Structures are given as structure tokens and as C-alpha cells.
Amino acid sequence: MNKSIGIIGSIVMWSIIITWNAYIFWGENWMDYKAYCVVTSPQNNEKLKVMHYILLCFDVLITAADILLTFINKKQLIE
């Protein structure tokens, strides 16, 4: 059961990542000159900004959950 949940979760996450990146970079002119390792262009600037805000929210929530789990684990160790 746990193995299948992990496999399904991995497939879902990979699908979301591939779909999101295809959405952001669809229609991008790959022959434009850009700075080294910079993928931002006027065509995808707003999409990348939204993606960064979404990821920032996830990072904050995950950090808060990690802190909460640390407190719960410490409390369980004391009892």
C-alpha cells in the first residue's frame, strides 16, 4: 500500500512539474540571446513571477510544519 502511494505521488508530482514548465515556456523563442543561465524573457516574466510566489508560499508552509513537527517530537520524547 505505501509503495503504491509513493509511486502514484511521484507520478503526480512529475506530471505537475512537466506540465507547469511546458505552460511557462511554451512559445518561447529559444534563439534569442539571453544572459547565461537566465530563462526569464518578456514572454514568460509574469508566469515565472507567479510560480515563484506559489513556491514561496509552499516553502513557508513546509517550514512552519517542520517547526511544528519538531515541537511535537520533542514533547513526545519528554513524555
PDB file of N, CA and C in Angstrom:
ATOM      1  N   MET A   1       0.829  -1.198   0.000  1.00  0.00           N
ATOM      2  CA  MET A   1       0.000   0.000   0.000  1.00  0.00           C
ATOM      3  C   MET A   1       0.870   1.257   0.000  1.00  0.00           C
ATOM      4  N   ASN A   2       1.841   1.347   0.911  1.00  0.00           N
ATOM      5  CA  ASN A   2       2.671   2.545   0.995  1.00  0.00           C
ATOM      6  C   ASN A   2       3.528   2.736  -0.247  1.00  0.00           C
ATOM      7  N   LYS A   3       3.996   1.615  -0.825  1.00  0.00           N
ATOM      8  CA  LYS A   3       4.805   1.704  -2.030  1.00  0.00           C
ATOM      9  C   LYS A   3       3.993   2.267  -3.186  1.00  0.00           C
ATOM     10  N   SER A   4       2.763   1.820  -3.335  1.00  0.00           N
ATOM     11  CA  SER A   4       1.927   2.310  -4.435  1.00  0.00           C
ATOM     12  C   SER A   4       1.558   3.782  -4.240  1.00  0.00           C
ATOM     13  N   ILE A   5       1.350   4.200  -3.002  1.00  0.00           N
ATOM     14  CA  ILE A   5       1.066   5.617  -2.736  1.00  0.00           C
ATOM     15  C   ILE A   5       2.269   6.471  -3.112  1.00  0.00           C
ATOM     16  N   GLY A   6       3.461   6.001  -2.787  1.00  0.00           N
ATOM     17  CA  GLY A   6       4.674   6.732  -3.140  1.00  0.00           C
ATOM     18  C   GLY A   6       4.871   6.826  -4.643  1.00  0.00           C
ATOM     19  N   ILE A   7       4.606   5.735  -5.344  1.00  0.00           N
ATOM     20  CA  ILE A   7       4.749   5.740  -6.802  1.00  0.00           C
ATOM     21  C   ILE A   7       3.724   6.668  -7.434  1.00  0.00           C
ATOM     22  N   ILE A   8       2.485   6.593  -6.972  1.00  0.00           N
ATOM     23  CA  ILE A   8       1.441   7.479  -7.504  1.00  0.00           C
ATOM     24  C   ILE A   8       1.772   8.938  -7.198  1.00  0.00           C
ATOM     25  N   GLY A   9       2.245   9.217  -5.982  1.00  0.00           N
ATOM     26  CA  GLY A   9       2.634  10.582  -5.625  1.00  0.00           C
ATOM     27  C   GLY A   9       3.765  11.100  -6.498  1.00  0.00           C
ATOM     28  N   SER A  10       4.745  10.239  -6.773  1.00  0.00           N
ATOM     29  CA  SER A  10       5.860  10.644  -7.640  1.00  0.00           C
ATOM     30  C   SER A  10       5.386  10.939  -9.054  1.00  0.00           C
ATOM     31  N   ILE A  11       4.519  10.088  -9.572  1.00  0.00           N
ATOM     32  CA  ILE A  11       3.998  10.305 -10.927  1.00  0.00           C
ATOM     33  C   ILE A  11       3.204  11.606 -10.994  1.00  0.00           C
ATOM     34  N   VAL A  12       2.394  11.862  -9.980  1.00  0.00           N
ATOM     35  CA  VAL A  12       1.604  13.099  -9.954  1.00  0.00           C
ATOM     36  C   VAL A  12       2.524  14.313  -9.889  1.00  0.00           C
ATOM     37  N   MET A  13       3.528  14.270  -9.028  1.00  0.00           N
ATOM     38  CA  MET A  13       4.441  15.418  -8.898  1.00  0.00           C
ATOM     39  C   MET A  13       5.217  15.655 -10.193  1.00  0.00           C
ATOM     40  N   TRP A  14       5.729  14.604 -10.809  1.00  0.00           N
ATOM     41  CA  TRP A  14       6.441  14.757 -12.073  1.00  0.00           C
ATOM     42  C   TRP A  14       5.513  15.315 -13.144  1.00  0.00           C
ATOM     43  N   SER A  15       4.282  14.861 -13.185  1.00  0.00           N
ATOM     44  CA  SER A  15       3.324  15.361 -14.174  1.00  0.00           C
ATOM     45  C   SER A  15       3.047  16.842 -13.966  1.00  0.00           C
ATOM     46  N   ILE A  16       2.885  17.252 -12.718  1.00  0.00           N
ATOM     47  CA  ILE A  16       2.641  18.669 -12.425  1.00  0.00           C
ATOM     48  C   ILE A  16       3.841  19.509 -12.833  1.00  0.00           C
ATOM     49  N   ILE A  17       5.043  19.050 -12.509  1.00  0.00           N
ATOM     50  CA  ILE A  17       6.257  19.807 -12.835  1.00  0.00           C
ATOM     51  C   ILE A  17       6.419  19.948 -14.349  1.00  0.00           C
ATOM     52  N   ILE A  18       6.254  18.867 -15.079  1.00  0.00           N
ATOM     53  CA  ILE A  18       6.418  18.913 -16.530  1.00  0.00           C
ATOM     54  C   ILE A  18       5.345  19.792 -17.171  1.00  0.00           C
ATOM     55  N   THR A  19       4.102  19.658 -16.715  1.00  0.00           N
ATOM     56  CA  THR A  19       3.014  20.474 -17.259  1.00  0.00           C
ATOM     57  C   THR A  19       3.228  21.953 -16.968  1.00  0.00           C
ATOM     58  N   TRP A  20       3.633  22.274 -15.753  1.00  0.00           N
ATOM     59  CA  TRP A  20       3.839  23.674 -15.373  1.00  0.00           C
ATOM     60  C   TRP A  20       4.969  24.296 -16.188  1.00  0.00           C
ATOM     61  N   ASN A  21       6.077  23.570 -16.350  1.00  0.00           N
ATOM     62  CA  ASN A  21       7.191  24.095 -17.146  1.00  0.00           C
ATOM     63  C   ASN A  21       6.822  24.230 -18.614  1.00  0.00           C
ATOM     64  N   ALA A  22       6.060  23.289 -19.146  1.00  0.00           N
ATOM     65  CA  ALA A  22       5.604  23.408 -20.532  1.00  0.00           C
ATOM     66  C   ALA A  22       4.713  24.632 -20.697  1.00  0.00           C
ATOM     67  N   TYR A  23       3.854  24.890 -19.710  1.00  0.00           N
ATOM     68  CA  TYR A  23       2.979  26.073 -19.758  1.00  0.00           C
ATOM     69  C   TYR A  23       3.800  27.359 -19.731  1.00  0.00           C
ATOM     70  N   ILE A  24       4.810  27.406 -18.879  1.00  0.00           N
ATOM     71  CA  ILE A  24       5.612  28.628 -18.748  1.00  0.00           C
ATOM     72  C   ILE A  24       6.419  28.906 -20.014  1.00  0.00           C
ATOM     73  N   PHE A  25       7.050  27.883 -20.561  1.00  0.00           N
ATOM     74  CA  PHE A  25       7.991  28.099 -21.652  1.00  0.00           C
ATOM     75  C   PHE A  25       7.420  27.812 -23.031  1.00  0.00           C
ATOM     76  N   TRP A  26       6.112  27.561 -23.136  1.00  0.00           N
ATOM     77  CA  TRP A  26       5.503  27.312 -24.432  1.00  0.00           C
ATOM     78  C   TRP A  26       5.519  28.605 -25.243  1.00  0.00           C
ATOM     79  N   GLY A  27       5.959  28.516 -26.480  1.00  0.00           N
ATOM     80  CA  GLY A  27       6.001  29.692 -27.345  1.00  0.00           C
ATOM     81  C   GLY A  27       7.240  30.541 -27.148  1.00  0.00           C
ATOM     82  N   GLU A  28       8.169  30.064 -26.371  1.00  0.00           N
ATOM     83  CA  GLU A  28       9.412  30.807 -26.114  1.00  0.00           C
ATOM     84  C   GLU A  28      10.320  30.735 -27.338  1.00  0.00           C
ATOM     85  N   ASN A  29      10.951  31.848 -27.676  1.00  0.00           N
ATOM     86  CA  ASN A  29      11.903  31.866 -28.776  1.00  0.00           C
ATOM     87  C   ASN A  29      13.270  31.455 -28.228  1.00  0.00           C
ATOM     88  N   TRP A  30      13.690  30.246 -28.549  1.00  0.00           N
ATOM     89  CA  TRP A  30      14.929  29.708 -27.989  1.00  0.00           C
ATOM     90  C   TRP A  30      16.166  30.242 -28.698  1.00  0.00           C
ATOM     91  N   MET A  31      15.999  31.022 -29.761  1.00  0.00           N
ATOM     92  CA  MET A  31      17.145  31.577 -30.477  1.00  0.00           C
ATOM     93  C   MET A  31      17.499  32.982 -30.000  1.00  0.00           C
ATOM     94  N   ASP A  32      16.716  33.546 -29.092  1.00  0.00           N
ATOM     95  CA  ASP A  32      17.044  34.861 -28.536  1.00  0.00           C
ATOM     96  C   ASP A  32      18.318  34.780 -27.721  1.00  0.00           C
ATOM     97  N   TYR A  33      19.081  35.861 -27.745  1.00  0.00           N
ATOM     98  CA  TYR A  33      20.263  35.937 -26.894  1.00  0.00           C
ATOM     99  C   TYR A  33      19.830  36.294 -25.478  1.00  0.00           C
ATOM    100  N   LYS A  34      20.312  35.508 -24.524  1.00  0.00           N
ATOM    101  CA  LYS A  34      19.969  35.737 -23.125  1.00  0.00           C
ATOM    102  C   LYS A  34      21.238  35.656 -22.299  1.00  0.00           C
ATOM    103  N   ALA A  35      21.154  36.205 -21.101  1.00  0.00           N
ATOM    104  CA  ALA A  35      22.289  36.089 -20.197  1.00  0.00           C
ATOM    105  C   ALA A  35      22.482  34.629 -19.806  1.00  0.00           C
ATOM    106  N   TYR A  36      23.665  34.295 -19.389  1.00  0.00           N
ATOM    107  CA  TYR A  36      23.992  32.921 -19.024  1.00  0.00           C
ATOM    108  C   TYR A  36      23.093  32.455 -17.880  1.00  0.00           C
ATOM    109  N   CYS A  37      22.454  31.325 -18.029  1.00  0.00           N
ATOM    110  CA  CYS A  37      21.603  30.685 -17.011  1.00  0.00           C
ATOM    111  C   CYS A  37      20.398  31.531 -16.617  1.00  0.00           C
ATOM    112  N   VAL A  38      19.926  32.375 -17.484  1.00  0.00           N
ATOM    113  CA  VAL A  38      18.724  33.158 -17.194  1.00  0.00           C
ATOM    114  C   VAL A  38      17.670  32.774 -18.226  1.00  0.00           C
ATOM    115  N   VAL A  39      16.525  32.338 -17.760  1.00  0.00           N
ATOM    116  CA  VAL A  39      15.469  31.919 -18.682  1.00  0.00           C
ATOM    117  C   VAL A  39      14.326  32.927 -18.739  1.00  0.00           C
ATOM    118  N   THR A  40      14.431  34.010 -17.992  1.00  0.00           N
ATOM    119  CA  THR A  40      13.358  35.000 -17.966  1.00  0.00           C
ATOM    120  C   THR A  40      13.380  35.836 -19.239  1.00  0.00           C
ATOM    121  N   SER A  41      12.224  35.986 -19.825  1.00  0.00           N
ATOM    122  CA  SER A  41      12.063  36.822 -21.009  1.00  0.00           C
ATOM    123  C   SER A  41      10.743  37.580 -20.866  1.00  0.00           C
ATOM    124  N   PRO A  42      10.520  38.558 -21.709  1.00  0.00           N
ATOM    125  CA  PRO A  42       9.238  39.274 -21.619  1.00  0.00           C
ATOM    126  C   PRO A  42       8.016  38.371 -21.804  1.00  0.00           C
ATOM    127  N   GLN A  43       8.178  37.253 -22.531  1.00  0.00           N
ATOM    128  CA  GLN A  43       7.044  36.355 -22.761  1.00  0.00           C
ATOM    129  C   GLN A  43       6.676  35.546 -21.530  1.00  0.00           C
ATOM    130  N   ASN A  44       7.652  35.212 -20.683  1.00  0.00           N
ATOM    131  CA  ASN A  44       7.353  34.343 -19.543  1.00  0.00           C
ATOM    132  C   ASN A  44       7.599  35.011 -18.196  1.00  0.00           C
ATOM    133  N   ASN A  45       7.843  36.301 -18.186  1.00  0.00           N
ATOM    134  CA  ASN A  45       8.173  37.010 -16.958  1.00  0.00           C
ATOM    135  C   ASN A  45       7.076  36.893 -15.904  1.00  0.00           C
ATOM    136  N   GLU A  46       5.837  37.160 -16.278  1.00  0.00           N
ATOM    137  CA  GLU A  46       4.733  37.120 -15.318  1.00  0.00           C
ATOM    138  C   GLU A  46       4.451  35.701 -14.835  1.00  0.00           C
ATOM    139  N   LYS A  47       4.563  34.725 -15.737  1.00  0.00           N
ATOM    140  CA  LYS A  47       4.329  33.338 -15.341  1.00  0.00           C
ATOM    141  C   LYS A  47       5.373  32.878 -14.326  1.00  0.00           C
ATOM    142  N   LEU A  48       6.633  33.269 -14.549  1.00  0.00           N
ATOM    143  CA  LEU A  48       7.681  32.892 -13.606  1.00  0.00           C
ATOM    144  C   LEU A  48       7.497  33.589 -12.257  1.00  0.00           C
ATOM    145  N   LYS A  49       7.016  34.821 -12.290  1.00  0.00           N
ATOM    146  CA  LYS A  49       6.773  35.544 -11.043  1.00  0.00           C
ATOM    147  C   LYS A  49       5.691  34.847 -10.219  1.00  0.00           C
ATOM    148  N   VAL A  50       4.622  34.423 -10.879  1.00  0.00           N
ATOM    149  CA  VAL A  50       3.554  33.696 -10.183  1.00  0.00           C
ATOM    150  C   VAL A  50       4.090  32.389  -9.617  1.00  0.00           C
ATOM    151  N   MET A  51       4.911  31.674 -10.404  1.00  0.00           N
ATOM    152  CA  MET A  51       5.488  30.421  -9.934  1.00  0.00           C
ATOM    153  C   MET A  51       6.354  30.643  -8.691  1.00  0.00           C
ATOM    154  N   HIS A  52       7.134  31.702  -8.685  1.00  0.00           N
ATOM    155  CA  HIS A  52       7.982  31.983  -7.521  1.00  0.00           C
ATOM    156  C   HIS A  52       7.148  32.320  -6.289  1.00  0.00           C
ATOM    157  N   TYR A  53       6.056  33.044  -6.461  1.00  0.00           N
ATOM    158  CA  TYR A  53       5.186  33.347  -5.324  1.00  0.00           C
ATOM    159  C   TYR A  53       4.525  32.085  -4.775  1.00  0.00           C
ATOM    160  N   ILE A  54       4.089  31.205  -5.668  1.00  0.00           N
ATOM    161  CA  ILE A  54       3.478  29.944  -5.225  1.00  0.00           C
ATOM    162  C   ILE A  54       4.498  29.104  -4.468  1.00  0.00           C
ATOM    163  N   LEU A  55       5.709  29.001  -5.012  1.00  0.00           N
ATOM    164  CA  LEU A  55       6.755  28.222  -4.338  1.00  0.00           C
ATOM    165  C   LEU A  55       7.143  28.838  -3.003  1.00  0.00           C
ATOM    166  N   LEU A  56       7.132  30.166  -2.909  1.00  0.00           N
ATOM    167  CA  LEU A  56       7.423  30.824  -1.640  1.00  0.00           C
ATOM    168  C   LEU A  56       6.372  30.453  -0.593  1.00  0.00           C
ATOM    169  N   CYS A  57       5.111  30.435  -0.981  1.00  0.00           N
ATOM    170  CA  CYS A  57       4.045  30.034  -0.051  1.00  0.00           C
ATOM    171  C   CYS A  57       4.246  28.599   0.416  1.00  0.00           C
ATOM    172  N   PHE A  58       4.561  27.697  -0.521  1.00  0.00           N
ATOM    173  CA  PHE A  58       4.824  26.309  -0.140  1.00  0.00           C
ATOM    174  C   PHE A  58       6.007  26.208   0.815  1.00  0.00           C
ATOM    175  N   ASP A  59       7.070  26.958   0.551  1.00  0.00           N
ATOM    176  CA  ASP A  59       8.243  26.915   1.419  1.00  0.00           C
ATOM    177  C   ASP A  59       7.923  27.393   2.831  1.00  0.00           C
ATOM    178  N   VAL A  60       7.136  28.456   2.934  1.00  0.00           N
ATOM    179  CA  VAL A  60       6.758  28.964   4.251  1.00  0.00           C
ATOM    180  C   VAL A  60       5.894  27.940   4.987  1.00  0.00           C
ATOM    181  N   LEU A  61       4.935  27.340   4.307  1.00  0.00           N
ATOM    182  CA  LEU A  61       4.081  26.332   4.939  1.00  0.00           C
ATOM    183  C   LEU A  61       4.883  25.099   5.373  1.00  0.00           C
ATOM    184  N   ILE A  62       5.805  24.662   4.530  1.00  0.00           N
ATOM    185  CA  ILE A  62       6.625  23.498   4.879  1.00  0.00           C
ATOM    186  C   ILE A  62       7.527  23.805   6.062  1.00  0.00           C
ATOM    187  N   THR A  63       8.087  25.004   6.107  1.00  0.00           N
ATOM    188  CA  THR A  63       8.931  25.387   7.239  1.00  0.00           C
ATOM    189  C   THR A  63       8.120  25.436   8.523  1.00  0.00           C
ATOM    190  N   ALA A  64       6.921  25.996   8.452  1.00  0.00           N
ATOM    191  CA  ALA A  64       6.065  26.046   9.646  1.00  0.00           C
ATOM    192  C   ALA A  64       5.692  24.632  10.097  1.00  0.00           C
ATOM    193  N   ALA A  65       5.395  23.743   9.160  1.00  0.00           N
ATOM    194  CA  ALA A  65       5.064  22.363   9.517  1.00  0.00           C
ATOM    195  C   ALA A  65       6.275  21.651  10.118  1.00  0.00           C
ATOM    196  N   ASP A  66       7.480  21.922   9.603  1.00  0.00           N
ATOM    197  CA  ASP A  66       8.691  21.324  10.170  1.00  0.00           C
ATOM    198  C   ASP A  66       8.909  21.768  11.615  1.00  0.00           C
ATOM    199  N   ILE A  67       8.688  23.049  11.871  1.00  0.00           N
ATOM    200  CA  ILE A  67       8.844  23.570  13.237  1.00  0.00           C
ATOM    201  C   ILE A  67       7.804  22.925  14.154  1.00  0.00           C
ATOM    202  N   LEU A  68       6.573  22.816  13.683  1.00  0.00           N
ATOM    203  CA  LEU A  68       5.517  22.180  14.480  1.00  0.00           C
ATOM    204  C   LEU A  68       5.865  20.720  14.775  1.00  0.00           C
ATOM    205  N   LEU A  69       6.337  19.992  13.778  1.00  0.00           N
ATOM    206  CA  LEU A  69       6.716  18.594  13.993  1.00  0.00           C
ATOM    207  C   LEU A  69       7.884  18.466  14.956  1.00  0.00           C
ATOM    208  N   THR A  70       8.806  19.413  14.921  1.00  0.00           N
ATOM    209  CA  THR A  70       9.923  19.394  15.868  1.00  0.00           C
ATOM    210  C   THR A  70       9.413  19.535  17.291  1.00  0.00           C
ATOM    211  N   PHE A  71       8.486  20.460  17.513  1.00  0.00           N
ATOM    212  CA  PHE A  71       7.921  20.631  18.854  1.00  0.00           C
ATOM    213  C   PHE A  71       7.151  19.394  19.302  1.00  0.00           C
ATOM    214  N   ILE A  72       6.385  18.801  18.391  1.00  0.00           N
ATOM    215  CA  ILE A  72       5.635  17.594  18.730  1.00  0.00           C
ATOM    216  C   ILE A  72       6.583  16.457  19.081  1.00  0.00           C
ATOM    217  N   ASN A  73       7.648  16.277  18.297  1.00  0.00           N
ATOM    218  CA  ASN A  73       8.608  15.207  18.572  1.00  0.00           C
ATOM    219  C   ASN A  73       9.332  15.417  19.909  1.00  0.00           C
ATOM    220  N   LYS A  74       9.699  16.663  20.193  1.00  0.00           N
ATOM    221  CA  LYS A  74      10.354  16.936  21.479  1.00  0.00           C
ATOM    222  C   LYS A  74       9.408  16.660  22.648  1.00  0.00           C
ATOM    223  N   LYS A  75       8.148  17.015  22.469  1.00  0.00           N
ATOM    224  CA  LYS A  75       7.161  16.782  23.529  1.00  0.00           C
ATOM    225  C   LYS A  75       6.958  15.291  23.749  1.00  0.00           C
ATOM    226  N   GLN A  76       6.919  14.513  22.676  1.00  0.00           N
ATOM    227  CA  GLN A  76       6.749  13.064  22.802  1.00  0.00           C
ATOM    228  C   GLN A  76       7.967  12.401  23.433  1.00  0.00           C
ATOM    229  N   LEU A  77       9.148  12.938  23.199  1.00  0.00           N
ATOM    230  CA  LEU A  77      10.359  12.374  23.791  1.00  0.00           C
ATOM    231  C   LEU A  77      10.402  12.604  25.295  1.00  0.00           C
ATOM    232  N   ILE A  78       9.870  13.737  25.745  1.00  0.00           N
ATOM    233  CA  ILE A  78       9.869  14.054  27.163  1.00  0.00           C
ATOM    234  C   ILE A  78       8.884  13.165  27.907  1.00  0.00           C
ATOM    235  N   GLU A  79       7.752  12.850  27.306  1.00  0.00           N
ATOM    236  CA  GLU A  79       6.715  12.057  27.988  1.00  0.00           C
ATOM    237  C   GLU A  79       7.072  10.634  28.083  1.00  0.00           C
TER     238      GLU A  79
END
